[in-house]
């Protein structure tokens, strides 16, 4: 498994289509995870306006300048964020 993220495209709501170095793509729905956020400064990502502003850095999909949100690549690769 080469779970290095090479591209990502916002689809709708809290769904992102993620492409990996080995050619696999996964459609990941982050909504269940985002609904569990309790830390005040992270709650902004529960709005689509903030959520859709992610970046690809060092083979990861991240949110925020200081990587406020980052997820295990194997979970992204499998298309399911574990809560």
C-alpha atoms as a PDB file:
ATOM      1  CA  UNK A   1       0.000   0.000   0.000  1.00  0.00           C
ATOM      2  CA  UNK A   2       1.365   3.393  -0.994  1.00  0.00           C
ATOM      3  CA  UNK A   3      -0.910   5.687   1.003  1.00  0.00           C
ATOM      4  CA  UNK A   4       0.885   8.881   0.047  1.00  0.00           C
ATOM      5  CA  UNK A   5      -1.703  11.522  -0.839  1.00  0.00           C
ATOM      6  CA  UNK A   6      -0.937  13.176  -4.166  1.00  0.00           C
ATOM      7  CA  UNK A   7      -4.197  15.045  -4.785  1.00  0.00           C
ATOM      8  CA  UNK A   8      -7.530  15.797  -3.212  1.00  0.00           C
ATOM      9  CA  UNK A   9     -10.708  17.374  -4.496  1.00  0.00           C
ATOM     10  CA  UNK A  10     -13.582  18.723  -2.450  1.00  0.00           C
ATOM     11  CA  UNK A  11     -16.794  17.038  -3.632  1.00  0.00           C
ATOM     12  CA  UNK A  12     -19.678  18.210  -1.413  1.00  0.00           C
ATOM     13  CA  UNK A  13     -20.705  18.584   2.218  1.00  0.00           C
ATOM     14  CA  UNK A  14     -17.759  16.995   4.064  1.00  0.00           C
ATOM     15  CA  UNK A  15     -16.648  14.611   1.334  1.00  0.00           C
ATOM     16  CA  UNK A  16     -13.258  14.657  -0.351  1.00  0.00           C
ATOM     17  CA  UNK A  17     -12.007  12.494  -3.205  1.00  0.00           C
ATOM     18  CA  UNK A  18      -8.396  11.616  -2.418  1.00  0.00           C
ATOM     19  CA  UNK A  19      -5.821  10.295  -4.891  1.00  0.00           C
ATOM     20  CA  UNK A  20      -2.810   8.257  -3.809  1.00  0.00           C
ATOM     21  CA  UNK A  21       0.631   7.671  -5.262  1.00  0.00           C
ATOM     22  CA  UNK A  22      -0.269   4.138  -6.364  1.00  0.00           C
ATOM     23  CA  UNK A  23      -3.216   5.396  -8.439  1.00  0.00           C
ATOM     24  CA  UNK A  24      -5.977   4.428  -6.010  1.00  0.00           C
ATOM     25  CA  UNK A  25      -8.678   6.962  -5.182  1.00  0.00           C
ATOM     26  CA  UNK A  26     -10.967   7.016  -2.157  1.00  0.00           C
ATOM     27  CA  UNK A  27     -14.053   9.070  -1.426  1.00  0.00           C
ATOM     28  CA  UNK A  28     -13.856   9.963   2.253  1.00  0.00           C
ATOM     29  CA  UNK A  29     -16.778  11.376   4.230  1.00  0.00           C
ATOM     30  CA  UNK A  30     -15.445  13.278   7.244  1.00  0.00           C
ATOM     31  CA  UNK A  31     -18.874  14.277   8.609  1.00  0.00           C
ATOM     32  CA  UNK A  32     -19.101  11.655  11.384  1.00  0.00           C
ATOM     33  CA  UNK A  33     -15.649  12.575  12.675  1.00  0.00           C
ATOM     34  CA  UNK A  34     -16.314  16.317  12.497  1.00  0.00           C
ATOM     35  CA  UNK A  35     -19.527  15.883  14.489  1.00  0.00           C
ATOM     36  CA  UNK A  36     -17.427  14.617  17.425  1.00  0.00           C
ATOM     37  CA  UNK A  37     -15.160  17.686  17.650  1.00  0.00           C
ATOM     38  CA  UNK A  38     -15.292  19.336  21.055  1.00  0.00           C
ATOM     39  CA  UNK A  39     -12.167  21.541  20.976  1.00  0.00           C
ATOM     40  CA  UNK A  40     -13.382  25.099  20.303  1.00  0.00           C
ATOM     41  CA  UNK A  41     -10.730  26.138  17.766  1.00  0.00           C
ATOM     42  CA  UNK A  42     -11.397  22.989  15.689  1.00  0.00           C
ATOM     43  CA  UNK A  43     -15.165  23.463  15.553  1.00  0.00           C
ATOM     44  CA  UNK A  44     -14.734  25.901  12.657  1.00  0.00           C
ATOM     45  CA  UNK A  45     -14.069  22.860  10.436  1.00  0.00           C
ATOM     46  CA  UNK A  46     -17.674  21.798  11.021  1.00  0.00           C
ATOM     47  CA  UNK A  47     -18.609  24.458   8.474  1.00  0.00           C
ATOM     48  CA  UNK A  48     -18.085  23.745   4.785  1.00  0.00           C
ATOM     49  CA  UNK A  49     -16.443  27.158   4.337  1.00  0.00           C
ATOM     50  CA  UNK A  50     -13.486  26.128   6.517  1.00  0.00           C
ATOM     51  CA  UNK A  51     -13.564  22.411   5.768  1.00  0.00           C
ATOM     52  CA  UNK A  52     -13.017  22.804   2.034  1.00  0.00           C
ATOM     53  CA  UNK A  53      -9.772  24.759   2.602  1.00  0.00           C
ATOM     54  CA  UNK A  54      -7.392  21.826   2.951  1.00  0.00           C
ATOM     55  CA  UNK A  55      -3.873  21.377   1.579  1.00  0.00           C
ATOM     56  CA  UNK A  56      -1.643  18.510   0.546  1.00  0.00           C
ATOM     57  CA  UNK A  57       1.639  18.628   2.464  1.00  0.00           C
ATOM     58  CA  UNK A  58       4.263  15.912   2.852  1.00  0.00           C
ATOM     59  CA  UNK A  59       1.915  13.278   1.444  1.00  0.00           C
ATOM     60  CA  UNK A  60      -0.922  14.152   3.820  1.00  0.00           C
ATOM     61  CA  UNK A  61      -4.181  16.062   3.535  1.00  0.00           C
ATOM     62  CA  UNK A  62      -4.180  18.710   6.259  1.00  0.00           C
ATOM     63  CA  UNK A  63      -6.287  21.608   7.481  1.00  0.00           C
ATOM     64  CA  UNK A  64      -4.872  24.784   8.986  1.00  0.00           C
ATOM     65  CA  UNK A  65      -1.409  26.318   8.822  1.00  0.00           C
ATOM     66  CA  UNK A  66      -0.282  24.278  11.819  1.00  0.00           C
ATOM     67  CA  UNK A  67      -2.019  21.092  10.671  1.00  0.00           C
ATOM     68  CA  UNK A  68      -5.056  21.540  12.924  1.00  0.00           C
ATOM     69  CA  UNK A  69      -6.509  18.380  11.404  1.00  0.00           C
ATOM     70  CA  UNK A  70      -4.556  15.470   9.948  1.00  0.00           C
ATOM     71  CA  UNK A  71      -5.664  11.861   9.591  1.00  0.00           C
ATOM     72  CA  UNK A  72      -3.882   8.502   9.422  1.00  0.00           C
ATOM     73  CA  UNK A  73      -3.126   7.814   5.783  1.00  0.00           C
ATOM     74  CA  UNK A  74      -4.223   4.194   5.996  1.00  0.00           C
ATOM     75  CA  UNK A  75      -7.702   5.327   7.071  1.00  0.00           C
ATOM     76  CA  UNK A  76      -7.867   7.768   4.163  1.00  0.00           C
ATOM     77  CA  UNK A  77      -6.687   5.034   1.812  1.00  0.00           C
ATOM     78  CA  UNK A  78      -9.432   2.710   3.061  1.00  0.00           C
ATOM     79  CA  UNK A  79     -12.021   5.482   2.745  1.00  0.00           C
ATOM     80  CA  UNK A  80     -13.159   5.451   6.371  1.00  0.00           C
ATOM     81  CA  UNK A  81     -12.152   7.679   9.271  1.00  0.00           C
ATOM     82  CA  UNK A  82     -12.288   5.741  12.527  1.00  0.00           C
ATOM     83  CA  UNK A  83     -13.793   7.594  15.444  1.00  0.00           C
END
